């Protein structure tokens, strides 16, 4: 596939890179204030949230620890309905504050599974959620969101770390994807 064919799959820009940067700075400021005395372990659910995590870390003004976890519930653009552990934590997070950094919360199924998994097997003091994107119209399971960037409509989005079959993560804006 040629690059021009690749980019033809993109629809309109849903959120621009400049909007993302402004929102990330605002969120990092609030996180820094809220965790001023209780430094958190920031945990990114790979791979979609890696860029968001990197930018949050760039702007927080507190010490943090960072780790990665990977749970999968999507194949292509469809939820597969069950959640699989792909990669576990390396850091011992027992008796620590966790801030889960997510790219997007839609059905809530994966996030709910991650929270329950961490509570049961890792025994943290506290778990909070930070997501760049929220798609409340798709919610099937309630999950608490403590820091939220943007509400988005019920469209499939790519860019800024979010992918479709591992492509489009490199884009700086978030786009609607045209699904054939």
C-alpha atoms as a PDB file:
ATOM      1  CA  UNK A   1       0.000   0.000   0.000  1.00  0.00           C
ATOM      2  CA  UNK A   2       1.278   3.452  -0.869  1.00  0.00           C
ATOM      3  CA  UNK A   3       1.266   6.250   1.686  1.00  0.00           C
ATOM      4  CA  UNK A   4      -1.462   8.173  -0.135  1.00  0.00           C
ATOM      5  CA  UNK A   5      -3.762   5.111   0.021  1.00  0.00           C
ATOM      6  CA  UNK A   6      -2.957   4.729   3.711  1.00  0.00           C
ATOM      7  CA  UNK A   7      -3.899   8.326   4.515  1.00  0.00           C
ATOM      8  CA  UNK A   8      -7.129   8.113   2.473  1.00  0.00           C
ATOM      9  CA  UNK A   9      -8.509   5.946   5.288  1.00  0.00           C
ATOM     10  CA  UNK A  10      -8.510   8.969   7.578  1.00  0.00           C
ATOM     11  CA  UNK A  11     -11.668  10.967   8.082  1.00  0.00           C
ATOM     12  CA  UNK A  12     -11.907  14.333   9.758  1.00  0.00           C
ATOM     13  CA  UNK A  13      -9.691  15.469  12.612  1.00  0.00           C
ATOM     14  CA  UNK A  14     -11.584  14.889  15.854  1.00  0.00           C
ATOM     15  CA  UNK A  15      -8.970  16.505  18.134  1.00  0.00           C
ATOM     16  CA  UNK A  16      -5.946  18.484  16.956  1.00  0.00           C
ATOM     17  CA  UNK A  17      -2.413  18.121  18.299  1.00  0.00           C
ATOM     18  CA  UNK A  18      -2.596  21.622  19.798  1.00  0.00           C
ATOM     19  CA  UNK A  19      -5.846  20.783  21.623  1.00  0.00           C
ATOM     20  CA  UNK A  20      -4.239  17.607  22.943  1.00  0.00           C
ATOM     21  CA  UNK A  21      -1.177  19.465  24.193  1.00  0.00           C
ATOM     22  CA  UNK A  22      -3.259  22.096  26.008  1.00  0.00           C
ATOM     23  CA  UNK A  23      -5.409  19.432  27.665  1.00  0.00           C
ATOM     24  CA  UNK A  24      -2.419  17.268  28.661  1.00  0.00           C
ATOM     25  CA  UNK A  25      -0.737  20.249  30.345  1.00  0.00           C
ATOM     26  CA  UNK A  26      -3.948  21.031  32.220  1.00  0.00           C
ATOM     27  CA  UNK A  27      -4.344  17.416  33.343  1.00  0.00           C
ATOM     28  CA  UNK A  28      -0.680  17.139  34.407  1.00  0.00           C
ATOM     29  CA  UNK A  29      -1.038  20.279  36.508  1.00  0.00           C
ATOM     30  CA  UNK A  30      -4.043  18.806  38.340  1.00  0.00           C
ATOM     31  CA  UNK A  31      -2.314  15.436  38.797  1.00  0.00           C
ATOM     32  CA  UNK A  32       0.744  17.210  40.241  1.00  0.00           C
ATOM     33  CA  UNK A  33      -1.450  19.085  42.701  1.00  0.00           C
ATOM     34  CA  UNK A  34      -3.461  16.012  43.724  1.00  0.00           C
ATOM     35  CA  UNK A  35      -0.405  13.784  44.229  1.00  0.00           C
ATOM     36  CA  UNK A  36       1.898  16.374  45.771  1.00  0.00           C
ATOM     37  CA  UNK A  37       2.438  14.306  48.936  1.00  0.00           C
ATOM     38  CA  UNK A  38       1.627  10.781  47.721  1.00  0.00           C
ATOM     39  CA  UNK A  39       3.678  10.157  44.596  1.00  0.00           C
ATOM     40  CA  UNK A  40       1.953   7.721  42.229  1.00  0.00           C
ATOM     41  CA  UNK A  41       3.006   4.866  40.033  1.00  0.00           C
ATOM     42  CA  UNK A  42       1.801   5.775  36.553  1.00  0.00           C
ATOM     43  CA  UNK A  43       0.746   2.650  34.717  1.00  0.00           C
ATOM     44  CA  UNK A  44       0.140   2.711  30.997  1.00  0.00           C
ATOM     45  CA  UNK A  45      -1.965   0.058  29.337  1.00  0.00           C
ATOM     46  CA  UNK A  46       0.063  -0.616  26.199  1.00  0.00           C
ATOM     47  CA  UNK A  47       0.178   0.241  23.443  1.00  0.00           C
ATOM     48  CA  UNK A  48      -2.396   2.950  22.828  1.00  0.00           C
ATOM     49  CA  UNK A  49      -1.574   5.179  25.776  1.00  0.00           C
ATOM     50  CA  UNK A  50       2.215   5.333  25.374  1.00  0.00           C
ATOM     51  CA  UNK A  51       2.209   8.817  23.806  1.00  0.00           C
ATOM     52  CA  UNK A  52      -0.288  10.173  26.315  1.00  0.00           C
ATOM     53  CA  UNK A  53       1.786   8.808  29.213  1.00  0.00           C
ATOM     54  CA  UNK A  54       4.984  10.297  27.766  1.00  0.00           C
ATOM     55  CA  UNK A  55       3.352  13.718  27.500  1.00  0.00           C
ATOM     56  CA  UNK A  56       1.800  13.567  30.980  1.00  0.00           C
ATOM     57  CA  UNK A  57       5.236  12.709  32.409  1.00  0.00           C
ATOM     58  CA  UNK A  58       6.768  15.595  30.480  1.00  0.00           C
ATOM     59  CA  UNK A  59       4.513  18.077  32.310  1.00  0.00           C
ATOM     60  CA  UNK A  60       3.980  16.676  35.832  1.00  0.00           C
ATOM     61  CA  UNK A  61       5.906  18.440  38.570  1.00  0.00           C
ATOM     62  CA  UNK A  62       6.142  15.556  41.042  1.00  0.00           C
ATOM     63  CA  UNK A  63       8.261  12.409  41.304  1.00  0.00           C
ATOM     64  CA  UNK A  64       6.596   9.402  39.666  1.00  0.00           C
ATOM     65  CA  UNK A  65       7.365   5.787  38.976  1.00  0.00           C
ATOM     66  CA  UNK A  66       6.328   4.347  35.609  1.00  0.00           C
ATOM     67  CA  UNK A  67       5.385   0.854  34.541  1.00  0.00           C
ATOM     68  CA  UNK A  68       3.518  -0.799  31.712  1.00  0.00           C
ATOM     69  CA  UNK A  69       0.804  -3.389  31.581  1.00  0.00           C
ATOM     70  CA  UNK A  70      -0.901  -4.853  28.537  1.00  0.00           C
ATOM     71  CA  UNK A  71      -4.425  -6.200  28.378  1.00  0.00           C
ATOM     72  CA  UNK A  72      -6.130  -6.846  25.076  1.00  0.00           C
ATOM     73  CA  UNK A  73      -9.822  -6.737  24.279  1.00  0.00           C
ATOM     74  CA  UNK A  74      -9.839  -5.588  20.637  1.00  0.00           C
ATOM     75  CA  UNK A  75      -8.992  -7.127  17.297  1.00  0.00           C
ATOM     76  CA  UNK A  76      -9.046  -4.558  14.523  1.00  0.00           C
ATOM     77  CA  UNK A  77     -11.928  -2.225  15.338  1.00  0.00           C
ATOM     78  CA  UNK A  78     -14.151  -4.740  17.158  1.00  0.00           C
ATOM     79  CA  UNK A  79     -14.187  -5.660  20.833  1.00  0.00           C
ATOM     80  CA  UNK A  80     -13.632  -9.405  21.245  1.00  0.00           C
ATOM     81  CA  UNK A  81     -15.698  -9.397  24.427  1.00  0.00           C
ATOM     82  CA  UNK A  82     -13.091 -10.912  26.716  1.00  0.00           C
ATOM     83  CA  UNK A  83      -9.905  -9.496  28.195  1.00  0.00           C
ATOM     84  CA  UNK A  84      -6.480 -11.127  28.034  1.00  0.00           C
ATOM     85  CA  UNK A  85      -3.347 -10.297  30.030  1.00  0.00           C
ATOM     86  CA  UNK A  86      -0.477  -9.787  27.582  1.00  0.00           C
ATOM     87  CA  UNK A  87       2.142  -8.148  29.886  1.00  0.00           C
ATOM     88  CA  UNK A  88       2.193  -7.758  33.655  1.00  0.00           C
ATOM     89  CA  UNK A  89       3.841  -5.120  35.859  1.00  0.00           C
ATOM     90  CA  UNK A  90       7.514  -5.222  36.843  1.00  0.00           C
ATOM     91  CA  UNK A  91       7.198  -2.790  39.784  1.00  0.00           C
ATOM     92  CA  UNK A  92       5.742  -3.949  43.085  1.00  0.00           C
ATOM     93  CA  UNK A  93       2.757  -1.608  43.488  1.00  0.00           C
ATOM     94  CA  UNK A  94       1.474  -3.002  46.769  1.00  0.00           C
ATOM     95  CA  UNK A  95       0.794  -0.180  49.219  1.00  0.00           C
ATOM     96  CA  UNK A  96       1.343   2.428  46.511  1.00  0.00           C
ATOM     97  CA  UNK A  97      -0.963   4.869  44.748  1.00  0.00           C
ATOM     98  CA  UNK A  98      -1.665   3.912  41.158  1.00  0.00           C
ATOM     99  CA  UNK A  99      -2.691   6.235  38.369  1.00  0.00           C
ATOM    100  CA  UNK A 100      -3.847   4.189  35.378  1.00  0.00           C
ATOM    101  CA  UNK A 101      -3.151   6.135  32.197  1.00  0.00           C
ATOM    102  CA  UNK A 102      -5.510   5.147  29.388  1.00  0.00           C
ATOM    103  CA  UNK A 103      -5.824   6.326  25.822  1.00  0.00           C
ATOM    104  CA  UNK A 104      -9.590   5.763  25.587  1.00  0.00           C
ATOM    105  CA  UNK A 105     -12.414   4.424  27.708  1.00  0.00           C
ATOM    106  CA  UNK A 106     -15.387   3.176  25.726  1.00  0.00           C
ATOM    107  CA  UNK A 107     -17.210   0.053  26.967  1.00  0.00           C
ATOM    108  CA  UNK A 108     -15.287   0.107  30.256  1.00  0.00           C
ATOM    109  CA  UNK A 109     -14.854  -3.675  30.142  1.00  0.00           C
ATOM    110  CA  UNK A 110     -11.063  -3.684  29.818  1.00  0.00           C
ATOM    111  CA  UNK A 111     -10.550  -0.935  32.371  1.00  0.00           C
ATOM    112  CA  UNK A 112     -12.895  -2.611  34.861  1.00  0.00           C
ATOM    113  CA  UNK A 113     -10.929  -5.857  34.426  1.00  0.00           C
ATOM    114  CA  UNK A 114      -7.596  -4.072  34.949  1.00  0.00           C
ATOM    115  CA  UNK A 115      -8.814  -2.327  38.107  1.00  0.00           C
ATOM    116  CA  UNK A 116     -10.159  -5.567  39.586  1.00  0.00           C
ATOM    117  CA  UNK A 117      -6.970  -7.414  38.621  1.00  0.00           C
ATOM    118  CA  UNK A 118      -4.762  -4.794  40.297  1.00  0.00           C
ATOM    119  CA  UNK A 119      -6.919  -4.667  43.424  1.00  0.00           C
ATOM    120  CA  UNK A 120      -6.963  -8.443  43.816  1.00  0.00           C
ATOM    121  CA  UNK A 121      -3.401  -9.364  42.897  1.00  0.00           C
ATOM    122  CA  UNK A 122      -1.300  -6.221  43.442  1.00  0.00           C
ATOM    123  CA  UNK A 123      -2.922  -4.663  46.561  1.00  0.00           C
ATOM    124  CA  UNK A 124      -2.328  -0.927  45.945  1.00  0.00           C
ATOM    125  CA  UNK A 125      -3.465   1.774  48.380  1.00  0.00           C
ATOM    126  CA  UNK A 126      -5.505   3.541  45.729  1.00  0.00           C
ATOM    127  CA  UNK A 127      -6.275   3.332  42.011  1.00  0.00           C
ATOM    128  CA  UNK A 128      -7.306   6.340  39.974  1.00  0.00           C
ATOM    129  CA  UNK A 129      -7.899   6.592  36.244  1.00  0.00           C
ATOM    130  CA  UNK A 130      -6.617   9.187  33.807  1.00  0.00           C
ATOM    131  CA  UNK A 131      -7.884   8.933  30.237  1.00  0.00           C
ATOM    132  CA  UNK A 132      -7.370  11.179  27.269  1.00  0.00           C
ATOM    133  CA  UNK A 133     -10.595  10.116  25.552  1.00  0.00           C
ATOM    134  CA  UNK A 134     -13.959   9.042  26.907  1.00  0.00           C
ATOM    135  CA  UNK A 135     -16.732   7.543  24.807  1.00  0.00           C
ATOM    136  CA  UNK A 136     -19.599   7.422  27.336  1.00  0.00           C
ATOM    137  CA  UNK A 137     -22.183   6.411  24.727  1.00  0.00           C
ATOM    138  CA  UNK A 138     -20.488   2.973  24.467  1.00  0.00           C
ATOM    139  CA  UNK A 139     -20.230   2.321  28.211  1.00  0.00           C
ATOM    140  CA  UNK A 140     -21.323  -1.158  29.298  1.00  0.00           C
ATOM    141  CA  UNK A 141     -19.581  -1.195  32.692  1.00  0.00           C
ATOM    142  CA  UNK A 142     -19.252   1.720  35.089  1.00  0.00           C
ATOM    143  CA  UNK A 143     -15.641   2.717  35.713  1.00  0.00           C
ATOM    144  CA  UNK A 144     -14.490   5.715  37.739  1.00  0.00           C
ATOM    145  CA  UNK A 145     -12.623   8.341  35.725  1.00  0.00           C
ATOM    146  CA  UNK A 146     -10.741  10.858  37.840  1.00  0.00           C
ATOM    147  CA  UNK A 147      -8.963  12.791  35.068  1.00  0.00           C
ATOM    148  CA  UNK A 148     -10.560  13.087  31.632  1.00  0.00           C
ATOM    149  CA  UNK A 149      -9.360  14.879  28.531  1.00  0.00           C
ATOM    150  CA  UNK A 150     -12.148  14.799  25.964  1.00  0.00           C
ATOM    151  CA  UNK A 151     -15.555  13.222  25.420  1.00  0.00           C
ATOM    152  CA  UNK A 152     -15.810  11.908  21.877  1.00  0.00           C
ATOM    153  CA  UNK A 153     -18.688  10.648  19.740  1.00  0.00           C
ATOM    154  CA  UNK A 154     -19.250   7.003  18.859  1.00  0.00           C
ATOM    155  CA  UNK A 155     -16.691   6.817  16.041  1.00  0.00           C
ATOM    156  CA  UNK A 156     -13.516   4.755  15.688  1.00  0.00           C
ATOM    157  CA  UNK A 157     -10.497   7.003  16.203  1.00  0.00           C
ATOM    158  CA  UNK A 158      -6.793   6.699  15.442  1.00  0.00           C
ATOM    159  CA  UNK A 159      -3.684   8.781  15.979  1.00  0.00           C
ATOM    160  CA  UNK A 160      -1.679   9.968  18.980  1.00  0.00           C
ATOM    161  CA  UNK A 161      -0.984   6.357  19.924  1.00  0.00           C
ATOM    162  CA  UNK A 162      -4.374   4.895  19.008  1.00  0.00           C
ATOM    163  CA  UNK A 163      -4.239   2.382  16.200  1.00  0.00           C
ATOM    164  CA  UNK A 164      -6.087   0.325  13.672  1.00  0.00           C
ATOM    165  CA  UNK A 165      -4.272  -2.996  13.127  1.00  0.00           C
ATOM    166  CA  UNK A 166      -1.097  -1.385  14.567  1.00  0.00           C
ATOM    167  CA  UNK A 167      -1.119   1.530  12.092  1.00  0.00           C
ATOM    168  CA  UNK A 168      -1.761   5.277  12.584  1.00  0.00           C
ATOM    169  CA  UNK A 169      -0.123   5.549  16.054  1.00  0.00           C
ATOM    170  CA  UNK A 170       2.409   8.034  14.678  1.00  0.00           C
ATOM    171  CA  UNK A 171      -0.176  10.703  13.827  1.00  0.00           C
ATOM    172  CA  UNK A 172      -0.145  13.785  16.053  1.00  0.00           C
ATOM    173  CA  UNK A 173      -3.842  14.578  15.667  1.00  0.00           C
ATOM    174  CA  UNK A 174      -6.722  12.212  16.461  1.00  0.00           C
ATOM    175  CA  UNK A 175      -8.769  11.290  13.401  1.00  0.00           C
ATOM    176  CA  UNK A 176     -11.966   9.468  12.685  1.00  0.00           C
ATOM    177  CA  UNK A 177     -11.116   6.317  10.738  1.00  0.00           C
ATOM    178  CA  UNK A 178     -13.091   5.440   7.612  1.00  0.00           C
ATOM    179  CA  UNK A 179     -13.821   1.727   8.031  1.00  0.00           C
ATOM    180  CA  UNK A 180     -14.493  -0.138   4.789  1.00  0.00           C
END
